[in-house]
Amino acid sequence: MDEGLTGLVLFTVAVAALSTVLILVPGVAAAYALSRWRGPGRGVVETVLALPLVLPPTAVGLVLLELLARDSALGRLLDAMGVEVVFTPKAVVLASAVMAFPLLVRSARAGFEEVDPRLVAVARTLGDTRTRAFFRVTLPLAWRGVLTGALLAFSRALGEFGATVLVAGNIPGSTQTLSLAIFQRTQVGQDAEALKLAGVSVVLAFGAMYVTEVVTRRRGARGLA
């Protein structure tokens, strides 16, 4: 593997990992809240959180670009703080995180919904606070769902393209991931190089999805036990 390809792979994996870490806490919190929410409005919130799954990625990227533009309220705040996001590696991580967020929430929510509320109630009667019961009972029992969601989010982030290209651009050595590099190579007629990069992407995606499937199967077997 040549130095340029190694850099692309490392950057892509790093972006996927960072975006997954970025959404882990808010994603788990949202999943837990949705799993326990029985009041009105839950369907609306679930739909809003799931929108990145069904919207064109370029539409999500456009929304992010408008939110982070220097003439927007958030853009002016970031500019005053000396933080630049658009067309930087930060934008790559942010776009990947937004696109991967729904997958984490959906899977983690399913994991939390499988936890028997009676076990949590027993922990509360033994003196645990709500927070302590969550970390001692709920999260350990739902960890497979959370892990599956994190792996799915990581896998999604590996191949993110549409939102990224709008908010981060396609800058070699700065914001270019494997998927963006494949697009660039095909645009300039370097089909053989593009196929090589596509092969590397397949290997990475296969590895991530294989681990996800193994965890999912074990989770299913546990549910049947």
C-alpha atoms as a PDB file:
ATOM      1  CA  MET A   1       0.000   0.000   0.000  1.00  0.00           C
ATOM      2  CA  ASP A   2       1.568   3.298  -1.102  1.00  0.00           C
ATOM      3  CA  GLU A   3       1.934   6.282   1.192  1.00  0.00           C
ATOM      4  CA  GLY A   4      -0.923   8.267  -0.378  1.00  0.00           C
ATOM      5  CA  LEU A   5      -3.365   5.380  -0.084  1.00  0.00           C
ATOM      6  CA  THR A   6      -2.266   4.685   3.483  1.00  0.00           C
ATOM      7  CA  GLY A   7      -2.963   8.305   4.380  1.00  0.00           C
ATOM      8  CA  LEU A   8      -6.414   8.135   2.789  1.00  0.00           C
ATOM      9  CA  VAL A   9      -7.290   4.952   4.649  1.00  0.00           C
ATOM     10  CA  LEU A  10      -6.036   6.252   7.994  1.00  0.00           C
ATOM     11  CA  PHE A  11      -7.875   9.549   7.550  1.00  0.00           C
ATOM     12  CA  THR A  12     -11.122   7.805   6.575  1.00  0.00           C
ATOM     13  CA  VAL A  13     -10.962   5.408   9.520  1.00  0.00           C
ATOM     14  CA  ALA A  14     -10.061   8.256  11.884  1.00  0.00           C
ATOM     15  CA  VAL A  15     -13.023  10.317  10.653  1.00  0.00           C
ATOM     16  CA  ALA A  16     -15.387   7.360  11.104  1.00  0.00           C
ATOM     17  CA  ALA A  17     -14.041   6.671  14.593  1.00  0.00           C
ATOM     18  CA  LEU A  18     -14.172  10.312  15.700  1.00  0.00           C
ATOM     19  CA  SER A  19     -17.681  10.820  14.344  1.00  0.00           C
ATOM     20  CA  THR A  20     -18.838   7.695  16.193  1.00  0.00           C
ATOM     21  CA  VAL A  21     -17.267   8.893  19.443  1.00  0.00           C
ATOM     22  CA  LEU A  22     -18.831  12.326  18.909  1.00  0.00           C
ATOM     23  CA  ILE A  23     -22.371  10.946  18.706  1.00  0.00           C
ATOM     24  CA  LEU A  24     -22.025   8.134  21.247  1.00  0.00           C
ATOM     25  CA  VAL A  25     -23.136   9.969  24.382  1.00  0.00           C
ATOM     26  CA  PRO A  26     -25.951  12.064  22.803  1.00  0.00           C
ATOM     27  CA  GLY A  27     -27.038   9.053  20.737  1.00  0.00           C
ATOM     28  CA  VAL A  28     -27.278   6.767  23.763  1.00  0.00           C
ATOM     29  CA  ALA A  29     -29.062   9.482  25.735  1.00  0.00           C
ATOM     30  CA  ALA A  30     -31.585  10.014  22.925  1.00  0.00           C
ATOM     31  CA  ALA A  31     -32.098   6.271  22.528  1.00  0.00           C
ATOM     32  CA  TYR A  32     -32.714   5.780  26.243  1.00  0.00           C
ATOM     33  CA  ALA A  33     -35.114   8.723  26.397  1.00  0.00           C
ATOM     34  CA  LEU A  34     -37.097   7.416  23.430  1.00  0.00           C
ATOM     35  CA  SER A  35     -37.227   3.913  24.880  1.00  0.00           C
ATOM     36  CA  ARG A  36     -38.855   5.252  28.052  1.00  0.00           C
ATOM     37  CA  TRP A  37     -41.002   7.997  26.492  1.00  0.00           C
ATOM     38  CA  ARG A  38     -44.648   7.040  26.256  1.00  0.00           C
ATOM     39  CA  GLY A  39     -46.179  10.496  25.967  1.00  0.00           C
ATOM     40  CA  PRO A  40     -47.364  12.474  22.941  1.00  0.00           C
ATOM     41  CA  GLY A  41     -44.808  13.765  20.469  1.00  0.00           C
ATOM     42  CA  ARG A  42     -42.550  10.728  20.538  1.00  0.00           C
ATOM     43  CA  GLY A  43     -43.343   9.858  16.929  1.00  0.00           C
ATOM     44  CA  VAL A  44     -42.461  13.374  15.792  1.00  0.00           C
ATOM     45  CA  VAL A  45     -39.123  13.312  17.593  1.00  0.00           C
ATOM     46  CA  GLU A  46     -38.305   9.852  16.223  1.00  0.00           C
ATOM     47  CA  THR A  47     -39.127  11.028  12.717  1.00  0.00           C
ATOM     48  CA  VAL A  48     -36.953  14.126  13.009  1.00  0.00           C
ATOM     49  CA  LEU A  49     -34.005  12.101  14.306  1.00  0.00           C
ATOM     50  CA  ALA A  50     -34.424   9.583  11.477  1.00  0.00           C
ATOM     51  CA  LEU A  51     -34.550  12.190   8.686  1.00  0.00           C
ATOM     52  CA  PRO A  52     -30.866  11.837   7.693  1.00  0.00           C
ATOM     53  CA  LEU A  53     -31.635   8.208   6.804  1.00  0.00           C
ATOM     54  CA  VAL A  54     -34.190   9.164   4.156  1.00  0.00           C
ATOM     55  CA  LEU A  55     -33.153  12.635   3.016  1.00  0.00           C
ATOM     56  CA  PRO A  56     -30.674  12.968   0.143  1.00  0.00           C
ATOM     57  CA  PRO A  57     -27.248  13.316   1.803  1.00  0.00           C
ATOM     58  CA  THR A  58     -26.638  16.421  -0.289  1.00  0.00           C
ATOM     59  CA  ALA A  59     -29.715  18.013   1.309  1.00  0.00           C
ATOM     60  CA  VAL A  60     -28.285  17.312   4.764  1.00  0.00           C
ATOM     61  CA  GLY A  61     -24.970  18.763   3.639  1.00  0.00           C
ATOM     62  CA  LEU A  62     -26.688  21.896   2.349  1.00  0.00           C
ATOM     63  CA  VAL A  63     -28.465  22.406   5.673  1.00  0.00           C
ATOM     64  CA  LEU A  64     -25.177  22.023   7.541  1.00  0.00           C
ATOM     65  CA  LEU A  65     -23.487  24.435   5.155  1.00  0.00           C
ATOM     66  CA  GLU A  66     -26.193  27.047   5.740  1.00  0.00           C
ATOM     67  CA  LEU A  67     -26.058  26.564   9.510  1.00  0.00           C
ATOM     68  CA  LEU A  68     -22.275  26.934   9.609  1.00  0.00           C
ATOM     69  CA  ALA A  69     -21.960  29.755   7.058  1.00  0.00           C
ATOM     70  CA  ARG A  70     -20.203  32.836   8.381  1.00  0.00           C
ATOM     71  CA  ASP A  71     -23.299  34.985   7.956  1.00  0.00           C
ATOM     72  CA  SER A  72     -25.421  32.634  10.077  1.00  0.00           C
ATOM     73  CA  ALA A  73     -25.890  33.012  13.833  1.00  0.00           C
ATOM     74  CA  LEU A  74     -23.902  29.851  14.563  1.00  0.00           C
ATOM     75  CA  GLY A  75     -21.279  30.791  12.013  1.00  0.00           C
ATOM     76  CA  ARG A  76     -20.767  34.215  13.576  1.00  0.00           C
ATOM     77  CA  LEU A  77     -20.474  32.638  17.026  1.00  0.00           C
ATOM     78  CA  LEU A  78     -17.870  30.130  15.818  1.00  0.00           C
ATOM     79  CA  ASP A  79     -16.007  32.894  13.989  1.00  0.00           C
ATOM     80  CA  ALA A  80     -15.901  34.991  17.152  1.00  0.00           C
ATOM     81  CA  MET A  81     -14.435  31.994  18.974  1.00  0.00           C
ATOM     82  CA  GLY A  82     -11.844  31.524  16.257  1.00  0.00           C
ATOM     83  CA  VAL A  83     -13.267  28.153  15.228  1.00  0.00           C
ATOM     84  CA  GLU A  84     -13.377  27.332  11.533  1.00  0.00           C
ATOM     85  CA  VAL A  85     -15.458  24.334  10.479  1.00  0.00           C
ATOM     86  CA  VAL A  86     -16.557  24.600   6.843  1.00  0.00           C
ATOM     87  CA  PHE A  87     -14.094  23.036   4.374  1.00  0.00           C
ATOM     88  CA  THR A  88     -11.907  21.661   7.164  1.00  0.00           C
ATOM     89  CA  PRO A  89     -11.475  18.145   8.599  1.00  0.00           C
ATOM     90  CA  LYS A  90     -13.894  19.171  11.362  1.00  0.00           C
ATOM     91  CA  ALA A  91     -16.624  19.439   8.739  1.00  0.00           C
ATOM     92  CA  VAL A  92     -15.886  15.905   7.528  1.00  0.00           C
ATOM     93  CA  VAL A  93     -16.325  14.547  11.052  1.00  0.00           C
ATOM     94  CA  LEU A  94     -19.468  16.617  11.632  1.00  0.00           C
ATOM     95  CA  ALA A  95     -21.145  15.558   8.372  1.00  0.00           C
ATOM     96  CA  SER A  96     -20.302  11.900   8.999  1.00  0.00           C
ATOM     97  CA  ALA A  97     -21.619  12.141  12.558  1.00  0.00           C
ATOM     98  CA  VAL A  98     -24.930  13.658  11.478  1.00  0.00           C
ATOM     99  CA  MET A  99     -25.473  10.994   8.820  1.00  0.00           C
ATOM    100  CA  ALA A 100     -24.571   8.159  11.211  1.00  0.00           C
ATOM    101  CA  PHE A 101     -26.527   9.421  14.229  1.00  0.00           C
ATOM    102  CA  PRO A 102     -29.917   7.815  13.367  1.00  0.00           C
ATOM    103  CA  LEU A 103     -28.384   4.339  13.037  1.00  0.00           C
ATOM    104  CA  LEU A 104     -26.898   4.558  16.522  1.00  0.00           C
ATOM    105  CA  VAL A 105     -30.145   5.814  18.041  1.00  0.00           C
ATOM    106  CA  ARG A 106     -32.377   3.199  16.418  1.00  0.00           C
ATOM    107  CA  SER A 107     -30.237   0.242  17.418  1.00  0.00           C
ATOM    108  CA  ALA A 108     -29.484   1.486  20.924  1.00  0.00           C
ATOM    109  CA  ARG A 109     -33.174   2.248  21.491  1.00  0.00           C
ATOM    110  CA  ALA A 110     -34.059  -1.323  20.551  1.00  0.00           C
ATOM    111  CA  GLY A 111     -31.475  -2.540  23.065  1.00  0.00           C
ATOM    112  CA  PHE A 112     -32.922  -0.393  25.856  1.00  0.00           C
ATOM    113  CA  GLU A 113     -36.469  -1.509  25.037  1.00  0.00           C
ATOM    114  CA  GLU A 114     -35.416  -5.124  25.612  1.00  0.00           C
ATOM    115  CA  VAL A 115     -34.415  -4.402  29.210  1.00  0.00           C
ATOM    116  CA  ASP A 116     -37.061  -5.578  31.665  1.00  0.00           C
ATOM    117  CA  PRO A 117     -38.245  -2.483  33.619  1.00  0.00           C
ATOM    118  CA  ARG A 118     -38.804  -4.700  36.643  1.00  0.00           C
ATOM    119  CA  LEU A 119     -35.052  -5.196  37.003  1.00  0.00           C
ATOM    120  CA  VAL A 120     -34.566  -1.449  37.111  1.00  0.00           C
ATOM    121  CA  ALA A 121     -37.389  -1.145  39.635  1.00  0.00           C
ATOM    122  CA  VAL A 122     -35.696  -3.701  41.873  1.00  0.00           C
ATOM    123  CA  ALA A 123     -32.457  -1.711  41.729  1.00  0.00           C
ATOM    124  CA  ARG A 124     -34.356   1.432  42.690  1.00  0.00           C
ATOM    125  CA  THR A 125     -35.984  -0.298  45.665  1.00  0.00           C
ATOM    126  CA  LEU A 126     -32.511  -1.366  46.837  1.00  0.00           C
ATOM    127  CA  GLY A 127     -31.467   2.274  47.030  1.00  0.00           C
ATOM    128  CA  ASP A 128     -30.007   3.023  43.608  1.00  0.00           C
ATOM    129  CA  THR A 129     -30.679   6.437  42.145  1.00  0.00           C
ATOM    130  CA  ARG A 130     -32.062   6.645  38.608  1.00  0.00           C
ATOM    131  CA  THR A 131     -28.593   7.429  37.259  1.00  0.00           C
ATOM    132  CA  ARG A 132     -26.907   4.654  39.209  1.00  0.00           C
ATOM    133  CA  ALA A 133     -29.563   2.140  38.132  1.00  0.00           C
ATOM    134  CA  PHE A 134     -28.945   3.148  34.523  1.00  0.00           C
ATOM    135  CA  PHE A 135     -25.214   2.464  34.716  1.00  0.00           C
ATOM    136  CA  ARG A 136     -25.487  -0.637  36.914  1.00  0.00           C
ATOM    137  CA  VAL A 137     -28.511  -2.335  35.330  1.00  0.00           C
ATOM    138  CA  THR A 138     -29.903  -0.779  32.153  1.00  0.00           C
ATOM    139  CA  LEU A 139     -26.720  -0.059  30.221  1.00  0.00           C
ATOM    140  CA  PRO A 140     -25.023  -3.425  30.973  1.00  0.00           C
ATOM    141  CA  LEU A 141     -28.146  -5.250  29.776  1.00  0.00           C
ATOM    142  CA  ALA A 142     -28.498  -3.103  26.647  1.00  0.00           C
ATOM    143  CA  TRP A 143     -24.818  -2.988  25.722  1.00  0.00           C
ATOM    144  CA  ARG A 144     -25.168  -5.206  22.663  1.00  0.00           C
ATOM    145  CA  GLY A 145     -27.726  -2.856  21.143  1.00  0.00           C
ATOM    146  CA  VAL A 146     -25.500   0.131  21.899  1.00  0.00           C
ATOM    147  CA  LEU A 147     -22.448  -1.615  20.449  1.00  0.00           C
ATOM    148  CA  THR A 148     -24.362  -2.669  17.343  1.00  0.00           C
ATOM    149  CA  GLY A 149     -25.529   0.906  16.868  1.00  0.00           C
ATOM    150  CA  ALA A 150     -21.997   2.231  17.268  1.00  0.00           C
ATOM    151  CA  LEU A 151     -20.661  -0.258  14.723  1.00  0.00           C
ATOM    152  CA  LEU A 152     -23.426   0.610  12.259  1.00  0.00           C
ATOM    153  CA  ALA A 153     -22.683   4.303  12.744  1.00  0.00           C
ATOM    154  CA  PHE A 154     -18.977   3.670  12.160  1.00  0.00           C
ATOM    155  CA  SER A 155     -19.773   1.698   9.004  1.00  0.00           C
ATOM    156  CA  ARG A 156     -22.037   4.468   7.713  1.00  0.00           C
ATOM    157  CA  ALA A 157     -19.392   7.092   8.405  1.00  0.00           C
ATOM    158  CA  LEU A 158     -16.789   5.121   6.444  1.00  0.00           C
ATOM    159  CA  GLY A 159     -18.712   5.603   3.219  1.00  0.00           C
ATOM    160  CA  GLU A 160     -20.194   9.063   3.734  1.00  0.00           C
ATOM    161  CA  PHE A 161     -20.038  11.213   0.594  1.00  0.00           C
ATOM    162  CA  GLY A 162     -22.991  13.486  -0.195  1.00  0.00           C
ATOM    163  CA  ALA A 163     -23.147  15.617   2.947  1.00  0.00           C
ATOM    164  CA  THR A 164     -19.370  15.704   3.253  1.00  0.00           C
ATOM    165  CA  VAL A 165     -18.653  17.007  -0.236  1.00  0.00           C
ATOM    166  CA  LEU A 166     -20.942  20.006   0.304  1.00  0.00           C
ATOM    167  CA  VAL A 167     -19.864  21.074   3.763  1.00  0.00           C
ATOM    168  CA  ALA A 168     -16.203  19.999   3.652  1.00  0.00           C
ATOM    169  CA  GLY A 169     -15.341  19.939  -0.048  1.00  0.00           C
ATOM    170  CA  ASN A 170     -12.972  17.462  -1.650  1.00  0.00           C
ATOM    171  CA  ILE A 171      -9.541  18.763  -0.738  1.00  0.00           C
ATOM    172  CA  PRO A 172      -6.705  16.223  -1.147  1.00  0.00           C
ATOM    173  CA  GLY A 173      -4.635  15.936   1.997  1.00  0.00           C
ATOM    174  CA  SER A 174      -7.184  17.875   4.047  1.00  0.00           C
ATOM    175  CA  THR A 175     -10.802  16.754   3.730  1.00  0.00           C
ATOM    176  CA  GLN A 176     -10.610  13.964   1.158  1.00  0.00           C
ATOM    177  CA  THR A 177     -11.820  10.549   2.317  1.00  0.00           C
ATOM    178  CA  LEU A 178     -11.847   7.304   0.365  1.00  0.00           C
ATOM    179  CA  SER A 179     -15.306   7.904  -1.077  1.00  0.00           C
ATOM    180  CA  LEU A 180     -14.365  11.421  -2.165  1.00  0.00           C
ATOM    181  CA  ALA A 181     -11.101  10.166  -3.638  1.00  0.00           C
ATOM    182  CA  ILE A 182     -12.983   7.541  -5.674  1.00  0.00           C
ATOM    183  CA  PHE A 183     -15.224  10.274  -7.063  1.00  0.00           C
ATOM    184  CA  GLN A 184     -12.246  12.466  -7.934  1.00  0.00           C
ATOM    185  CA  ARG A 185     -10.375   9.648  -9.673  1.00  0.00           C
ATOM    186  CA  THR A 186     -13.376   8.782 -11.843  1.00  0.00           C
ATOM    187  CA  GLN A 187     -13.851  12.451 -12.745  1.00  0.00           C
ATOM    188  CA  VAL A 188     -10.315  12.714 -14.126  1.00  0.00           C
ATOM    189  CA  GLY A 189     -10.389   9.350 -15.904  1.00  0.00           C
ATOM    190  CA  GLN A 190      -8.224   7.399 -13.440  1.00  0.00           C
ATOM    191  CA  ASP A 191     -10.577   4.428 -13.403  1.00  0.00           C
ATOM    192  CA  ALA A 192      -7.935   1.885 -12.410  1.00  0.00           C
ATOM    193  CA  GLU A 193      -6.957   3.950  -9.374  1.00  0.00           C
ATOM    194  CA  ALA A 194     -10.628   4.467  -8.530  1.00  0.00           C
ATOM    195  CA  LEU A 195     -11.214   0.701  -8.647  1.00  0.00           C
ATOM    196  CA  LYS A 196      -8.240   0.175  -6.348  1.00  0.00           C
ATOM    197  CA  LEU A 197      -9.687   2.630  -3.843  1.00  0.00           C
ATOM    198  CA  ALA A 198     -13.104   1.022  -4.187  1.00  0.00           C
ATOM    199  CA  GLY A 199     -11.546  -2.332  -3.348  1.00  0.00           C
ATOM    200  CA  VAL A 200     -10.023  -0.913  -0.184  1.00  0.00           C
ATOM    201  CA  SER A 201     -13.403   0.577   0.725  1.00  0.00           C
ATOM    202  CA  VAL A 202     -15.046  -2.814   0.247  1.00  0.00           C
ATOM    203  CA  VAL A 203     -12.529  -4.434   2.595  1.00  0.00           C
ATOM    204  CA  LEU A 204     -13.081  -1.791   5.280  1.00  0.00           C
ATOM    205  CA  ALA A 205     -16.870  -1.929   4.938  1.00  0.00           C
ATOM    206  CA  PHE A 206     -16.866  -5.720   4.972  1.00  0.00           C
ATOM    207  CA  GLY A 207     -14.816  -5.810   8.161  1.00  0.00           C
ATOM    208  CA  ALA A 208     -17.057  -3.304   9.922  1.00  0.00           C
ATOM    209  CA  MET A 209     -20.284  -4.966   8.815  1.00  0.00           C
ATOM    210  CA  TYR A 210     -18.989  -8.455   9.632  1.00  0.00           C
ATOM    211  CA  VAL A 211     -18.279  -7.426  13.205  1.00  0.00           C
ATOM    212  CA  THR A 212     -21.739  -5.826  13.350  1.00  0.00           C
ATOM    213  CA  GLU A 213     -23.390  -9.033  12.125  1.00  0.00           C
ATOM    214  CA  VAL A 214     -21.504 -11.133  14.676  1.00  0.00           C
ATOM    215  CA  VAL A 215     -22.643  -8.864  17.505  1.00  0.00           C
ATOM    216  CA  THR A 216     -26.212  -8.832  16.180  1.00  0.00           C
ATOM    217  CA  ARG A 217     -26.373 -12.624  15.943  1.00  0.00           C
ATOM    218  CA  ARG A 218     -25.084 -13.016  19.486  1.00  0.00           C
ATOM    219  CA  ARG A 219     -27.645 -10.479  20.648  1.00  0.00           C
ATOM    220  CA  GLY A 220     -30.403 -12.422  18.899  1.00  0.00           C
ATOM    221  CA  ALA A 221     -29.217 -15.726  20.383  1.00  0.00           C
ATOM    222  CA  ARG A 222     -29.193 -14.139  23.822  1.00  0.00           C
ATOM    223  CA  GLY A 223     -32.761 -12.982  23.306  1.00  0.00           C
ATOM    224  CA  LEU A 224     -33.880 -16.503  22.427  1.00  0.00           C
ATOM    225  CA  ALA A 225     -32.087 -18.091  25.373  1.00  0.00           C
END
